[in-house]
Amino acid sequence: MVSCGRAAIIHNTHRPQLRETEENFMSMSNAVSLRIHVISILNSLSLKPGATLVQNCADNEIGRIVIQTAKERKYKTISIIDDKPGTPEIIEQLKALGGDIVVPESYTKTWYMQRLVGELNPSAGLNFDDGYQATAVVKALASGGTFLTYGKKLPQHVVFEETDSKPVEWTAFLKEKNLKLKALGV
């Protein structure tokens, strides 16, 4: 199962001279494995060049691979990252990897995000988180799009920030927007 965090590597304490080589091999092996998973995920979405996808956990290893692979396939990306110290630098790093639009989670709660997704009409959403960012991804999708969640259980409700809007159950929200749900690794 893939998570947003980095995989732990167990070092061989009996042969310290091989430690760096083994760590590099494990890191390369892990990166190749993640890339294969990302390719499989993107293939399952059947997107055409020029399509827009939105993802969360973009500042973690799997999110970075999604950005790079999407760029190679000529997809546009909207990538959501956590609000944390160093966010402007992280945004620039992800753009340098090929990210088209990178926003902090707080941005997803604004009318600017609504306008952005209205213009780009993301047809696919990738969820690698079980918190609010899952809601941000699903709300960003255009009607008829595909929401793919990988290894995460979805919250019970889609929450709206407006005071007069009540939370909506996921199944009702998906049906209302005519979204297809793909759950992998759950």
Protein backbone atom coordinates (compact mmCIF):
# COMPACT_ATOMS: atom_id res chain seq x y z
CA MET A 1 0.00 0.00 0.00
CA VAL A 2 1.25 3.48 -0.89
CA SER A 3 1.03 6.28 1.62
CA CYS A 4 1.83 9.96 1.38
CA GLY A 5 4.85 9.55 3.66
CA ARG A 6 8.29 8.25 2.77
CA ALA A 7 8.94 4.54 3.11
CA ALA A 8 11.16 3.50 5.98
CA ILE A 9 14.43 1.82 5.02
CA ILE A 10 16.00 -0.73 7.36
CA HIS A 11 19.78 -0.51 7.33
CA ASN A 12 22.07 -3.52 7.45
CA THR A 13 24.16 -3.09 10.61
CA HIS A 14 26.33 -6.15 9.94
CA ARG A 15 27.93 -4.68 6.80
CA PRO A 16 28.17 -0.91 7.23
CA GLN A 17 30.35 -0.48 4.13
CA LEU A 18 27.34 -1.49 1.97
CA ARG A 19 24.89 0.74 3.80
CA GLU A 20 24.93 3.64 1.35
CA THR A 21 24.79 1.35 -1.70
CA GLU A 22 21.91 -0.65 -0.23
CA GLU A 23 20.05 2.54 0.71
CA ASN A 24 20.49 3.94 -2.82
CA PHE A 25 19.28 0.64 -4.31
CA MET A 26 16.27 0.54 -1.98
CA SER A 27 15.43 4.15 -2.82
CA MET A 28 15.73 3.49 -6.56
CA SER A 29 13.68 0.31 -6.22
CA ASN A 30 11.00 2.16 -4.26
CA ALA A 31 10.90 5.02 -6.80
CA VAL A 32 10.57 2.56 -9.71
CA SER A 33 7.78 0.72 -7.89
CA LEU A 34 5.93 3.98 -7.16
CA ARG A 35 6.31 5.09 -10.78
CA ILE A 36 4.82 1.78 -11.95
CA HIS A 37 1.87 2.31 -9.55
CA VAL A 38 1.35 5.87 -10.79
CA ILE A 39 1.44 4.75 -14.44
CA SER A 40 -1.14 2.07 -13.62
CA ILE A 41 -3.35 4.61 -11.83
CA LEU A 42 -3.17 7.11 -14.68
CA ASN A 43 -3.82 4.37 -17.25
CA SER A 44 -7.00 3.40 -15.37
CA LEU A 45 -8.33 6.95 -15.88
CA SER A 46 -8.09 6.83 -19.71
CA LEU A 47 -7.23 10.54 -19.94
CA LYS A 48 -6.32 12.18 -23.23
CA PRO A 49 -3.53 14.76 -23.66
CA GLY A 50 -4.79 18.17 -22.54
CA ALA A 51 -7.04 16.71 -19.82
CA THR A 52 -6.81 18.21 -16.34
CA LEU A 53 -6.43 16.20 -13.16
CA VAL A 54 -6.43 17.38 -9.57
CA GLN A 55 -4.50 15.60 -6.83
CA ASN A 56 -3.66 15.97 -3.16
CA CYS A 57 -0.44 15.03 -1.32
CA ALA A 58 1.45 16.61 -4.21
CA ASP A 59 4.48 17.45 -2.09
CA ASN A 60 5.15 13.82 -1.20
CA GLU A 61 6.94 11.21 -3.26
CA ILE A 62 3.86 9.80 -5.00
CA GLY A 63 2.52 13.29 -5.75
CA ARG A 64 5.81 14.31 -7.32
CA ILE A 65 5.75 11.22 -9.54
CA VAL A 66 2.16 12.02 -10.54
CA ILE A 67 3.28 15.53 -11.57
CA GLN A 68 6.21 14.23 -13.63
CA THR A 69 4.23 11.45 -15.32
CA ALA A 70 1.27 13.75 -16.04
CA LYS A 71 3.65 16.26 -17.63
CA GLU A 72 5.11 13.51 -19.85
CA ARG A 73 1.56 12.61 -20.95
CA LYS A 74 0.65 16.27 -21.54
CA TYR A 75 -2.01 16.40 -18.81
CA LYS A 76 -2.58 19.61 -16.87
CA THR A 77 -2.32 19.26 -13.10
CA ILE A 78 -3.82 21.05 -10.14
CA SER A 79 -1.86 19.90 -7.13
CA ILE A 80 -2.89 20.50 -3.52
CA ILE A 81 -0.34 20.59 -0.69
CA ASP A 82 -0.59 21.05 3.08
CA ASP A 83 -0.40 24.53 4.54
CA LYS A 84 2.94 24.53 6.38
CA PRO A 85 6.12 26.56 6.75
CA GLY A 86 8.04 26.69 3.48
CA THR A 87 4.94 26.43 1.30
CA PRO A 88 6.13 29.02 -1.30
CA GLU A 89 9.39 27.09 -1.77
CA ILE A 90 7.53 23.78 -2.07
CA ILE A 91 5.21 25.30 -4.68
CA GLU A 92 8.22 26.45 -6.73
CA GLN A 93 9.86 23.00 -6.47
CA LEU A 94 6.70 21.28 -7.70
CA LYS A 95 6.31 23.74 -10.55
CA ALA A 96 9.94 23.04 -11.53
CA LEU A 97 9.03 19.32 -11.73
CA GLY A 98 6.26 20.19 -14.19
CA GLY A 99 3.31 21.04 -11.94
CA ASP A 100 0.99 23.43 -13.73
CA ILE A 101 -0.94 24.80 -10.74
CA VAL A 102 0.10 24.12 -7.15
CA VAL A 103 -2.00 25.45 -4.29
CA PRO A 104 -2.02 25.12 -0.51
CA GLU A 105 -5.04 23.49 1.11
CA SER A 106 -6.33 26.86 2.38
CA TYR A 107 -6.65 28.06 -1.25
CA THR A 108 -9.09 25.23 -1.99
CA LYS A 109 -11.60 26.85 0.38
CA THR A 110 -11.78 30.11 -1.61
CA TRP A 111 -13.83 31.30 -4.56
CA TYR A 112 -10.54 31.53 -6.50
CA MET A 113 -10.40 27.72 -6.50
CA GLN A 114 -14.00 27.53 -7.67
CA ARG A 115 -13.18 29.86 -10.56
CA LEU A 116 -10.00 27.91 -11.40
CA VAL A 117 -11.73 24.53 -11.58
CA GLY A 118 -14.59 26.13 -13.50
CA GLU A 119 -12.11 27.20 -16.16
CA LEU A 120 -10.07 23.98 -16.28
CA ASN A 121 -12.85 21.39 -15.65
CA PRO A 122 -10.73 18.62 -14.09
CA SER A 123 -12.03 15.29 -15.35
CA ALA A 124 -10.04 13.19 -12.88
CA GLY A 125 -9.13 13.48 -9.22
CA LEU A 126 -6.50 11.50 -7.34
CA ASN A 127 -6.87 11.13 -3.59
CA PHE A 128 -3.97 9.98 -1.42
CA ASP A 129 -5.29 11.49 1.85
CA ASP A 130 -8.12 10.75 4.26
CA GLY A 131 -8.55 14.30 5.57
CA TYR A 132 -10.05 17.50 4.18
CA GLN A 133 -7.93 17.29 1.03
CA ALA A 134 -10.05 14.33 -0.12
CA THR A 135 -13.05 16.66 0.01
CA ALA A 136 -11.10 19.38 -1.82
CA VAL A 137 -10.29 17.00 -4.67
CA VAL A 138 -13.83 15.68 -5.12
CA LYS A 139 -15.34 19.18 -5.01
CA ALA A 140 -12.90 20.30 -7.73
CA LEU A 141 -14.02 17.65 -10.21
CA ALA A 142 -16.22 18.49 -13.17
CA SER A 143 -19.55 16.69 -13.41
CA GLY A 144 -19.10 13.25 -14.93
CA GLY A 145 -15.45 13.03 -13.82
CA THR A 146 -13.64 10.17 -12.09
CA PHE A 147 -12.55 10.29 -8.45
CA LEU A 148 -9.85 7.74 -7.66
CA THR A 149 -8.86 7.13 -4.06
CA TYR A 150 -5.76 5.07 -3.39
CA GLY A 151 -5.34 3.30 -0.08
CA LYS A 152 -7.46 5.74 1.92
CA LYS A 153 -10.88 5.53 3.49
CA LEU A 154 -13.10 8.46 2.57
CA PRO A 155 -14.63 10.77 5.17
CA GLN A 156 -18.35 10.29 5.79
CA HIS A 157 -19.33 13.67 4.41
CA VAL A 158 -18.35 16.28 1.85
CA VAL A 159 -18.13 19.46 3.90
CA PHE A 160 -18.93 22.94 2.61
CA GLU A 161 -17.52 26.05 4.25
CA GLU A 162 -20.62 28.18 3.66
CA THR A 163 -22.72 28.56 6.81
CA ASP A 164 -26.02 27.72 5.09
CA SER A 165 -24.73 24.51 3.47
CA LYS A 166 -24.89 21.26 5.40
CA PRO A 167 -22.45 18.39 4.94
CA VAL A 168 -23.50 15.95 2.22
CA GLU A 169 -22.85 12.20 2.36
CA TRP A 170 -20.20 11.04 -0.11
CA THR A 171 -22.50 8.71 -2.04
CA ALA A 172 -25.11 11.45 -2.48
CA PHE A 173 -22.45 13.95 -3.60
CA LEU A 174 -20.96 11.50 -6.11
CA LYS A 175 -24.43 10.74 -7.50
CA GLU A 176 -25.39 14.45 -7.67
CA LYS A 177 -22.24 15.30 -9.71
CA ASN A 178 -22.42 12.04 -11.68
CA LEU A 179 -18.89 11.14 -10.59
CA LYS A 180 -17.36 7.71 -11.03
CA LEU A 181 -15.57 6.34 -7.96
CA LYS A 182 -12.53 4.08 -8.21
CA ALA A 183 -11.08 2.78 -4.96
CA LEU A 184 -7.69 1.09 -5.21
CA GLY A 185 -5.70 -0.48 -2.41
CA VAL A 186 -8.44 0.17 0.19
